[in-house]
């Protein structure tokens, strides 16, 4: 019978009510792999999961047998091809619109301002999805419109996370959000945050726009929350990494 670790394991701390402890432990092994730590030794996996090496080794054998984990020539472990297969199935099960539009509607409902999702198209930005403010005075961008990428909160975010240099882009990357008054049109203001996919690549920018007279820094949190929610649905597991 496997020995019980002196310290509570990660899987025991986050076990599924009524679930199988062996499955919880196996899944906790998969959770330790990140873009920064794509390959890990047996010792490193045991340390991060707080499981005994003997237990980790048995779990890895089962995962390796089913190609969820691979053992490299240097003795370290990495994720296996079954993970990619499952992700392909997951990704094909939804469209970006099914994730983004409900999030934009939620943002507009909370703020009563217009919400949009922008993606980069070479030296421009495309308004891919849009939910209009219920208020009469608002900007009138529509889904499908092309806008400059070097003006406006959404464009600035796309440039910042594409490596653009300069004080404004450094600040956006530092803050994780763009809050700009009159940057594209003097009477309009915007707040925008980046969205990332499972590979931690820039997927787009969630942007809230409003007349400058209604601009409020309190909109920053709901914009950031929605951007993080979309990123999470696209496969970003931990924003603290």
Protein backbone atom coordinates (compact mmCIF):
# COMPACT_ATOMS: atom_id res chain seq x y z
CA UNK A 1 0.00 0.00 0.00
CA UNK A 2 1.41 3.43 -0.93
CA UNK A 3 2.71 5.46 1.97
CA UNK A 4 0.82 8.63 2.81
CA UNK A 5 2.95 11.77 2.46
CA UNK A 6 3.70 13.66 5.66
CA UNK A 7 2.43 16.84 4.01
CA UNK A 8 -1.00 16.88 2.40
CA UNK A 9 -0.61 16.42 -1.33
CA UNK A 10 -1.97 18.88 -3.87
CA UNK A 11 -4.45 16.26 -5.08
CA UNK A 12 -5.76 15.65 -1.55
CA UNK A 13 -6.22 19.39 -1.04
CA UNK A 14 -8.23 19.66 -4.24
CA UNK A 15 -9.88 16.27 -4.40
CA UNK A 16 -13.22 15.83 -6.13
CA UNK A 17 -16.07 15.12 -3.70
CA UNK A 18 -17.01 11.49 -4.21
CA UNK A 19 -14.22 11.04 -6.75
CA UNK A 20 -11.37 8.58 -7.05
CA UNK A 21 -8.18 9.60 -5.25
CA UNK A 22 -5.97 7.79 -7.78
CA UNK A 23 -7.48 9.82 -10.62
CA UNK A 24 -7.06 13.04 -8.63
CA UNK A 25 -3.39 12.18 -8.11
CA UNK A 26 -2.79 11.33 -11.76
CA UNK A 27 -4.38 14.58 -12.88
CA UNK A 28 -2.30 16.53 -10.36
CA UNK A 29 0.79 15.27 -12.20
CA UNK A 30 -0.46 16.71 -15.47
CA UNK A 31 -1.18 20.04 -13.78
CA UNK A 32 2.49 20.66 -12.93
CA UNK A 33 3.49 21.07 -16.58
CA UNK A 34 3.43 24.68 -17.81
CA UNK A 35 4.90 26.59 -20.78
CA UNK A 36 7.77 27.60 -18.47
CA UNK A 37 8.27 24.06 -17.14
CA UNK A 38 7.49 21.82 -20.10
CA UNK A 39 9.92 19.12 -18.95
CA UNK A 40 10.33 18.02 -15.35
CA UNK A 41 12.32 15.38 -13.52
CA UNK A 42 10.78 12.78 -11.23
CA UNK A 43 12.10 14.72 -8.22
CA UNK A 44 10.59 17.99 -9.45
CA UNK A 45 7.19 16.39 -10.09
CA UNK A 46 7.20 14.77 -6.66
CA UNK A 47 8.12 18.08 -5.02
CA UNK A 48 5.39 20.05 -6.80
CA UNK A 49 2.65 17.47 -6.18
CA UNK A 50 3.88 16.65 -2.64
CA UNK A 51 3.64 12.93 -3.41
CA UNK A 52 6.25 10.26 -2.75
CA UNK A 53 8.52 9.47 -5.69
CA UNK A 54 7.38 5.85 -5.66
CA UNK A 55 3.76 6.97 -6.03
CA UNK A 56 4.66 9.46 -8.77
CA UNK A 57 6.60 6.80 -10.63
CA UNK A 58 3.62 4.42 -10.70
CA UNK A 59 1.28 7.17 -11.85
CA UNK A 60 3.71 8.25 -14.55
CA UNK A 61 3.92 4.65 -15.80
CA UNK A 62 0.16 4.58 -16.32
CA UNK A 63 0.10 8.01 -17.96
CA UNK A 64 3.03 7.09 -20.18
CA UNK A 65 1.37 3.85 -21.22
CA UNK A 66 -1.58 5.86 -22.58
CA UNK A 67 0.64 8.59 -24.13
CA UNK A 68 -0.51 11.33 -21.77
CA UNK A 69 3.11 11.69 -20.65
CA UNK A 70 6.42 10.99 -22.42
CA UNK A 71 9.83 10.22 -20.96
CA UNK A 72 12.62 12.05 -22.77
CA UNK A 73 16.13 10.75 -23.42
CA UNK A 74 17.51 12.92 -20.60
CA UNK A 75 15.18 11.20 -18.13
CA UNK A 76 12.76 14.09 -17.69
CA UNK A 77 9.05 13.89 -18.42
CA UNK A 78 6.84 16.00 -20.67
CA UNK A 79 3.26 15.92 -21.89
CA UNK A 80 2.43 13.33 -24.53
CA UNK A 81 0.53 13.38 -27.83
CA UNK A 82 -2.78 12.37 -26.23
CA UNK A 83 -2.95 15.84 -24.66
CA UNK A 84 -2.75 17.44 -28.11
CA UNK A 85 -5.44 15.08 -29.41
CA UNK A 86 -7.80 15.98 -26.57
CA UNK A 87 -7.13 19.69 -27.02
CA UNK A 88 -7.93 19.41 -30.74
CA UNK A 89 -11.25 17.78 -29.88
CA UNK A 90 -11.95 20.44 -27.25
CA UNK A 91 -11.05 23.30 -29.60
CA UNK A 92 -13.28 21.93 -32.35
CA UNK A 93 -16.21 21.66 -29.96
CA UNK A 94 -16.79 25.41 -29.81
CA UNK A 95 -16.28 28.53 -31.86
CA UNK A 96 -14.59 31.69 -30.63
CA UNK A 97 -17.90 33.48 -30.99
CA UNK A 98 -19.56 31.12 -28.51
CA UNK A 99 -17.00 32.13 -25.90
CA UNK A 100 -16.52 35.81 -26.64
CA UNK A 101 -20.05 37.05 -27.29
CA UNK A 102 -21.58 35.98 -23.94
CA UNK A 103 -18.60 37.58 -22.19
CA UNK A 104 -19.08 40.85 -24.09
CA UNK A 105 -22.80 40.85 -23.30
CA UNK A 106 -21.97 40.39 -19.63
CA UNK A 107 -19.51 43.28 -19.77
CA UNK A 108 -22.04 45.58 -21.44
CA UNK A 109 -24.72 44.56 -18.95
CA UNK A 110 -22.45 45.45 -16.03
CA UNK A 111 -21.14 48.74 -17.41
CA UNK A 112 -23.89 49.88 -19.82
CA UNK A 113 -21.13 50.71 -22.30
CA UNK A 114 -20.12 49.20 -25.67
CA UNK A 115 -17.90 46.11 -25.60
CA UNK A 116 -15.87 44.73 -28.49
CA UNK A 117 -13.27 42.09 -29.28
CA UNK A 118 -10.45 43.13 -31.61
CA UNK A 119 -7.86 41.04 -33.43
CA UNK A 120 -4.82 42.20 -35.33
CA UNK A 121 -4.79 42.15 -39.12
CA UNK A 122 -1.32 43.22 -40.21
CA UNK A 123 -1.11 46.96 -39.54
CA UNK A 124 -4.78 47.34 -38.65
CA UNK A 125 -7.23 45.89 -36.15
CA UNK A 126 -10.49 44.15 -36.95
CA UNK A 127 -13.58 44.46 -34.77
CA UNK A 128 -14.46 40.79 -34.71
CA UNK A 129 -17.36 40.92 -32.24
CA UNK A 130 -19.33 43.79 -30.78
CA UNK A 131 -22.13 44.45 -28.29
CA UNK A 132 -23.58 47.97 -28.33
CA UNK A 133 -24.27 50.09 -25.29
CA UNK A 134 -28.00 50.43 -24.53
CA UNK A 135 -27.45 54.18 -24.14
CA UNK A 136 -28.30 56.52 -27.01
CA UNK A 137 -24.98 58.37 -26.96
CA UNK A 138 -22.25 55.90 -27.90
CA UNK A 139 -19.70 55.16 -30.59
CA UNK A 140 -20.98 53.36 -33.67
CA UNK A 141 -18.31 50.83 -34.61
CA UNK A 142 -19.71 47.61 -36.05
CA UNK A 143 -18.38 44.06 -36.18
CA UNK A 144 -16.30 43.67 -39.32
CA UNK A 145 -14.95 47.23 -39.36
CA UNK A 146 -11.23 47.89 -39.70
CA UNK A 147 -9.63 50.50 -37.44
CA UNK A 148 -6.10 51.89 -37.00
CA UNK A 149 -3.95 49.78 -34.73
CA UNK A 150 -1.85 52.68 -33.44
CA UNK A 151 -4.76 54.61 -31.90
CA UNK A 152 -7.37 53.61 -29.35
CA UNK A 153 -7.12 51.32 -26.33
CA UNK A 154 -7.78 48.10 -28.27
CA UNK A 155 -5.15 48.85 -30.88
CA UNK A 156 -2.61 49.87 -28.28
CA UNK A 157 -3.10 46.57 -26.42
CA UNK A 158 -2.63 44.56 -29.61
CA UNK A 159 0.60 46.45 -30.34
CA UNK A 160 1.85 46.25 -26.76
CA UNK A 161 1.54 42.47 -26.67
CA UNK A 162 3.02 42.16 -30.14
CA UNK A 163 6.25 43.67 -28.83
CA UNK A 164 5.84 47.37 -29.70
CA UNK A 165 8.36 49.61 -27.98
CA UNK A 166 7.72 52.91 -26.23
CA UNK A 167 6.58 54.31 -22.91
CA UNK A 168 2.87 53.77 -23.54
CA UNK A 169 3.39 50.12 -24.49
CA UNK A 170 5.71 49.49 -21.56
CA UNK A 171 3.02 50.87 -19.26
CA UNK A 172 0.31 48.70 -20.81
CA UNK A 173 2.42 45.56 -20.39
CA UNK A 174 3.24 46.53 -16.81
CA UNK A 175 -0.39 47.28 -15.88
CA UNK A 176 -1.94 44.54 -18.02
CA UNK A 177 -4.52 47.02 -19.29
CA UNK A 178 -4.84 50.15 -21.43
CA UNK A 179 -6.92 53.07 -20.12
CA UNK A 180 -6.93 55.90 -22.63
CA UNK A 181 -8.93 59.09 -22.90
CA UNK A 182 -9.44 60.56 -26.37
CA UNK A 183 -6.66 58.50 -27.97
CA UNK A 184 -8.49 57.73 -31.24
CA UNK A 185 -11.31 60.29 -31.15
CA UNK A 186 -11.24 63.15 -28.61
CA UNK A 187 -14.83 62.60 -27.46
CA UNK A 188 -14.35 58.83 -26.94
CA UNK A 189 -12.39 56.88 -24.36
CA UNK A 190 -11.54 53.22 -24.02
CA UNK A 191 -10.32 50.54 -21.65
CA UNK A 192 -8.83 47.36 -23.07
CA UNK A 193 -7.16 44.16 -21.83
CA UNK A 194 -5.41 41.34 -23.69
CA UNK A 195 -6.80 37.86 -24.27
CA UNK A 196 -4.47 34.87 -24.62
CA UNK A 197 -4.90 31.34 -25.95
CA UNK A 198 -3.69 28.05 -24.46
CA UNK A 199 -0.21 28.59 -25.92
CA UNK A 200 -0.03 31.97 -24.14
CA UNK A 201 -0.17 33.72 -27.49
CA UNK A 202 -2.11 36.95 -27.97
CA UNK A 203 -5.60 36.06 -29.20
CA UNK A 204 -7.16 39.52 -29.19
CA UNK A 205 -8.23 42.41 -27.01
CA UNK A 206 -11.42 43.02 -25.06
CA UNK A 207 -12.27 46.69 -25.30
CA UNK A 208 -14.87 48.84 -23.59
CA UNK A 209 -15.60 52.22 -25.22
CA UNK A 210 -17.68 55.11 -24.02
CA UNK A 211 -18.09 58.89 -24.44
CA UNK A 212 -15.32 60.60 -22.52
CA UNK A 213 -17.95 62.21 -20.29
CA UNK A 214 -18.85 58.72 -18.98
CA UNK A 215 -15.28 57.45 -18.64
CA UNK A 216 -14.53 55.88 -15.27
CA UNK A 217 -11.50 53.98 -13.99
CA UNK A 218 -13.92 51.68 -12.15
CA UNK A 219 -14.53 49.99 -15.52
CA UNK A 220 -11.00 48.58 -15.43
CA UNK A 221 -11.85 45.63 -13.20
CA UNK A 222 -14.79 44.28 -15.22
CA UNK A 223 -12.78 44.64 -18.45
CA UNK A 224 -9.83 42.78 -16.94
CA UNK A 225 -12.11 40.12 -15.44
CA UNK A 226 -13.81 39.44 -18.77
CA UNK A 227 -10.48 39.25 -20.63
CA UNK A 228 -9.18 36.75 -18.07
CA UNK A 229 -12.41 34.76 -18.27
CA UNK A 230 -12.13 34.43 -22.05
CA UNK A 231 -8.45 33.50 -21.76
CA UNK A 232 -9.36 30.83 -19.24
CA UNK A 233 -11.98 29.39 -21.59
CA UNK A 234 -9.31 29.33 -24.32
CA UNK A 235 -7.03 27.23 -22.14
CA UNK A 236 -4.96 29.59 -19.98
CA UNK A 237 -4.82 27.79 -16.65
CA UNK A 238 -2.94 30.11 -14.30
CA UNK A 239 -2.45 33.85 -14.67
CA UNK A 240 0.17 33.93 -11.91
CA UNK A 241 2.72 31.91 -13.84
